[in-house]
Amino acid sequence: MAKADRLERLDVRRIEVEAEYRDALIAALRVTAAGRWGLFDHQKDKAARARTAPVIAALEELADEIGAMRDTLGLEPFALHQDFMAVRGPAAADAVGEPKQAKIWLEQLGADA
């Protein structure tokens, strides 16, 4: 019974940390939607990378914590983080800009800018 209680508490904590991750991502997306580039790392801009590095590090830290909890609970990897990281990096010349991409993400998350 103790193990079941521990796993239940862990699952409650996982849900809390996932909500914290989502909130942090939405906050970063809102800044990007307002015109500040760097979150998606589409350009090789050192200043934008440096400015965004703490945000990415915080998201990575939360994602690592979530990943460990999901592993313990036997759940699938955290899809929101995987999806976000998959769209970061160089983009095609005809790709939408980061502010527009951030607005699309906010719409998909139900958190319109």
C-alpha atoms as a PDB file:
ATOM      1  CA  MET A   1       0.000   0.000   0.000  1.00  0.00           C
ATOM      2  CA  ALA A   2       2.862   2.380   0.750  1.00  0.00           C
ATOM      3  CA  LYS A   3       4.179   2.005  -2.787  1.00  0.00           C
ATOM      4  CA  ALA A   4       0.774   2.814  -4.263  1.00  0.00           C
ATOM      5  CA  ASP A   5       0.544   5.930  -2.085  1.00  0.00           C
ATOM      6  CA  ARG A   6       4.040   6.998  -3.102  1.00  0.00           C
ATOM      7  CA  LEU A   7       3.221   6.529  -6.786  1.00  0.00           C
ATOM      8  CA  GLU A   8      -0.017   8.455  -6.395  1.00  0.00           C
ATOM      9  CA  ARG A   9       1.842  11.370  -4.760  1.00  0.00           C
ATOM     10  CA  LEU A  10       4.433  11.232  -7.524  1.00  0.00           C
ATOM     11  CA  ASP A  11       1.712  11.381 -10.163  1.00  0.00           C
ATOM     12  CA  VAL A  12       0.131  14.400  -8.465  1.00  0.00           C
ATOM     13  CA  ARG A  13       3.550  16.086  -8.407  1.00  0.00           C
ATOM     14  CA  ARG A  14       4.070  15.207 -12.099  1.00  0.00           C
ATOM     15  CA  ILE A  15       0.821  16.905 -13.008  1.00  0.00           C
ATOM     16  CA  GLU A  16       1.892  20.008 -11.058  1.00  0.00           C
ATOM     17  CA  VAL A  17       5.310  20.158 -12.739  1.00  0.00           C
ATOM     18  CA  GLU A  18       3.773  19.627 -16.179  1.00  0.00           C
ATOM     19  CA  ALA A  19       1.453  22.581 -15.497  1.00  0.00           C
ATOM     20  CA  GLU A  20       4.475  24.619 -14.395  1.00  0.00           C
ATOM     21  CA  TYR A  21       6.270  23.703 -17.639  1.00  0.00           C
ATOM     22  CA  ARG A  22       3.222  24.635 -19.716  1.00  0.00           C
ATOM     23  CA  ASP A  23       2.907  27.983 -17.929  1.00  0.00           C
ATOM     24  CA  ALA A  24       6.608  28.743 -18.443  1.00  0.00           C
ATOM     25  CA  LEU A  25       6.383  27.822 -22.129  1.00  0.00           C
ATOM     26  CA  ILE A  26       3.286  29.968 -22.604  1.00  0.00           C
ATOM     27  CA  ALA A  27       5.015  32.929 -20.960  1.00  0.00           C
ATOM     28  CA  ALA A  28       8.002  32.519 -23.295  1.00  0.00           C
ATOM     29  CA  LEU A  29       5.720  32.128 -26.303  1.00  0.00           C
ATOM     30  CA  ARG A  30       3.909  35.349 -25.416  1.00  0.00           C
ATOM     31  CA  VAL A  31       7.204  37.246 -25.340  1.00  0.00           C
ATOM     32  CA  THR A  32       8.096  35.779 -28.722  1.00  0.00           C
ATOM     33  CA  ALA A  33       4.639  36.493 -30.159  1.00  0.00           C
ATOM     34  CA  ALA A  34       5.158  40.116 -29.132  1.00  0.00           C
ATOM     35  CA  GLY A  35       8.176  40.284 -31.434  1.00  0.00           C
ATOM     36  CA  ARG A  36      11.219  39.075 -29.518  1.00  0.00           C
ATOM     37  CA  TRP A  37      13.131  36.471 -31.530  1.00  0.00           C
ATOM     38  CA  GLY A  38      15.267  33.672 -30.126  1.00  0.00           C
ATOM     39  CA  LEU A  39      12.958  31.138 -28.488  1.00  0.00           C
ATOM     40  CA  PHE A  40      12.839  28.927 -31.570  1.00  0.00           C
ATOM     41  CA  ASP A  41      16.517  29.585 -32.406  1.00  0.00           C
ATOM     42  CA  HIS A  42      15.765  30.048 -36.120  1.00  0.00           C
ATOM     43  CA  GLN A  43      18.597  32.501 -36.652  1.00  0.00           C
ATOM     44  CA  LYS A  44      22.243  32.248 -35.718  1.00  0.00           C
ATOM     45  CA  ASP A  45      21.998  35.262 -33.422  1.00  0.00           C
ATOM     46  CA  LYS A  46      24.324  34.974 -30.427  1.00  0.00           C
ATOM     47  CA  ALA A  47      22.604  37.771 -28.528  1.00  0.00           C
ATOM     48  CA  ALA A  48      19.179  36.164 -28.968  1.00  0.00           C
ATOM     49  CA  ARG A  49      20.574  32.785 -27.927  1.00  0.00           C
ATOM     50  CA  ALA A  50      22.157  34.280 -24.822  1.00  0.00           C
ATOM     51  CA  ARG A  51      18.965  36.151 -23.949  1.00  0.00           C
ATOM     52  CA  THR A  52      16.864  33.009 -24.376  1.00  0.00           C
ATOM     53  CA  ALA A  53      19.299  30.543 -22.771  1.00  0.00           C
ATOM     54  CA  PRO A  54      17.878  30.885 -19.223  1.00  0.00           C
ATOM     55  CA  VAL A  55      14.359  30.209 -20.498  1.00  0.00           C
ATOM     56  CA  ILE A  56      15.460  27.125 -22.422  1.00  0.00           C
ATOM     57  CA  ALA A  57      17.512  25.914 -19.439  1.00  0.00           C
ATOM     58  CA  ALA A  58      14.506  26.273 -17.123  1.00  0.00           C
ATOM     59  CA  LEU A  59      12.283  24.379 -19.560  1.00  0.00           C
ATOM     60  CA  GLU A  60      14.921  21.640 -19.918  1.00  0.00           C
ATOM     61  CA  GLU A  61      15.221  21.340 -16.139  1.00  0.00           C
ATOM     62  CA  LEU A  62      11.467  20.964 -15.741  1.00  0.00           C
ATOM     63  CA  ALA A  63      11.340  18.497 -18.637  1.00  0.00           C
ATOM     64  CA  ASP A  64      14.092  16.395 -17.055  1.00  0.00           C
ATOM     65  CA  GLU A  65      12.175  16.284 -13.779  1.00  0.00           C
ATOM     66  CA  ILE A  66       8.980  15.365 -15.621  1.00  0.00           C
ATOM     67  CA  GLY A  67      10.819  12.715 -17.627  1.00  0.00           C
ATOM     68  CA  ALA A  68      12.161  11.059 -14.498  1.00  0.00           C
ATOM     69  CA  MET A  69       8.704  11.004 -12.925  1.00  0.00           C
ATOM     70  CA  ARG A  70       7.120   9.651 -16.104  1.00  0.00           C
ATOM     71  CA  ASP A  71       9.769   6.907 -16.275  1.00  0.00           C
ATOM     72  CA  THR A  72       9.038   5.892 -12.686  1.00  0.00           C
ATOM     73  CA  LEU A  73       5.319   5.876 -13.389  1.00  0.00           C
ATOM     74  CA  GLY A  74       5.726   3.947 -16.654  1.00  0.00           C
ATOM     75  CA  LEU A  75       4.242   6.753 -18.743  1.00  0.00           C
ATOM     76  CA  GLU A  76       5.115   7.910 -22.240  1.00  0.00           C
ATOM     77  CA  PRO A  77       7.683  10.715 -22.597  1.00  0.00           C
ATOM     78  CA  PHE A  78       6.462  14.290 -22.133  1.00  0.00           C
ATOM     79  CA  ALA A  79       5.161  15.144 -25.610  1.00  0.00           C
ATOM     80  CA  LEU A  80       4.864  18.918 -25.147  1.00  0.00           C
ATOM     81  CA  HIS A  81       8.585  19.276 -24.513  1.00  0.00           C
ATOM     82  CA  GLN A  82       9.517  16.888 -27.307  1.00  0.00           C
ATOM     83  CA  ASP A  83       7.305  18.787 -29.746  1.00  0.00           C
ATOM     84  CA  PHE A  84       8.741  22.142 -28.709  1.00  0.00           C
ATOM     85  CA  MET A  85      12.352  20.994 -28.973  1.00  0.00           C
ATOM     86  CA  ALA A  86      11.652  19.426 -32.373  1.00  0.00           C
ATOM     87  CA  VAL A  87      10.706  22.801 -33.881  1.00  0.00           C
ATOM     88  CA  ARG A  88      13.715  24.673 -32.519  1.00  0.00           C
ATOM     89  CA  GLY A  89      16.720  25.277 -34.727  1.00  0.00           C
ATOM     90  CA  PRO A  90      17.364  26.533 -38.240  1.00  0.00           C
ATOM     91  CA  ALA A  91      14.279  27.025 -40.357  1.00  0.00           C
ATOM     92  CA  ALA A  92      13.724  27.081 -44.083  1.00  0.00           C
ATOM     93  CA  ALA A  93      13.939  30.475 -45.759  1.00  0.00           C
ATOM     94  CA  ASP A  94      10.206  30.429 -46.468  1.00  0.00           C
ATOM     95  CA  ALA A  95       9.199  29.367 -42.936  1.00  0.00           C
ATOM     96  CA  VAL A  96       7.018  31.633 -40.820  1.00  0.00           C
ATOM     97  CA  GLY A  97       8.836  33.951 -38.435  1.00  0.00           C
ATOM     98  CA  GLU A  98       9.207  33.174 -34.764  1.00  0.00           C
ATOM     99  CA  PRO A  99       6.497  35.626 -33.624  1.00  0.00           C
ATOM    100  CA  LYS A 100       3.941  34.058 -35.960  1.00  0.00           C
ATOM    101  CA  GLN A 101       5.067  30.567 -34.965  1.00  0.00           C
ATOM    102  CA  ALA A 102       4.674  31.511 -31.295  1.00  0.00           C
ATOM    103  CA  LYS A 103       1.124  32.747 -31.969  1.00  0.00           C
ATOM    104  CA  ILE A 104       0.300  29.434 -33.632  1.00  0.00           C
ATOM    105  CA  TRP A 105       1.655  27.559 -30.616  1.00  0.00           C
ATOM    106  CA  LEU A 106      -0.368  29.746 -28.259  1.00  0.00           C
ATOM    107  CA  GLU A 107      -3.513  28.999 -30.240  1.00  0.00           C
ATOM    108  CA  GLN A 108      -2.778  25.264 -30.134  1.00  0.00           C
ATOM    109  CA  LEU A 109      -2.240  25.459 -26.380  1.00  0.00           C
ATOM    110  CA  GLY A 110      -5.481  27.394 -25.951  1.00  0.00           C
ATOM    111  CA  ALA A 111      -3.584  30.384 -24.592  1.00  0.00           C
ATOM    112  CA  ASP A 112      -3.993  32.948 -27.342  1.00  0.00           C
ATOM    113  CA  ALA A 113      -1.603  35.882 -27.083  1.00  0.00           C
END
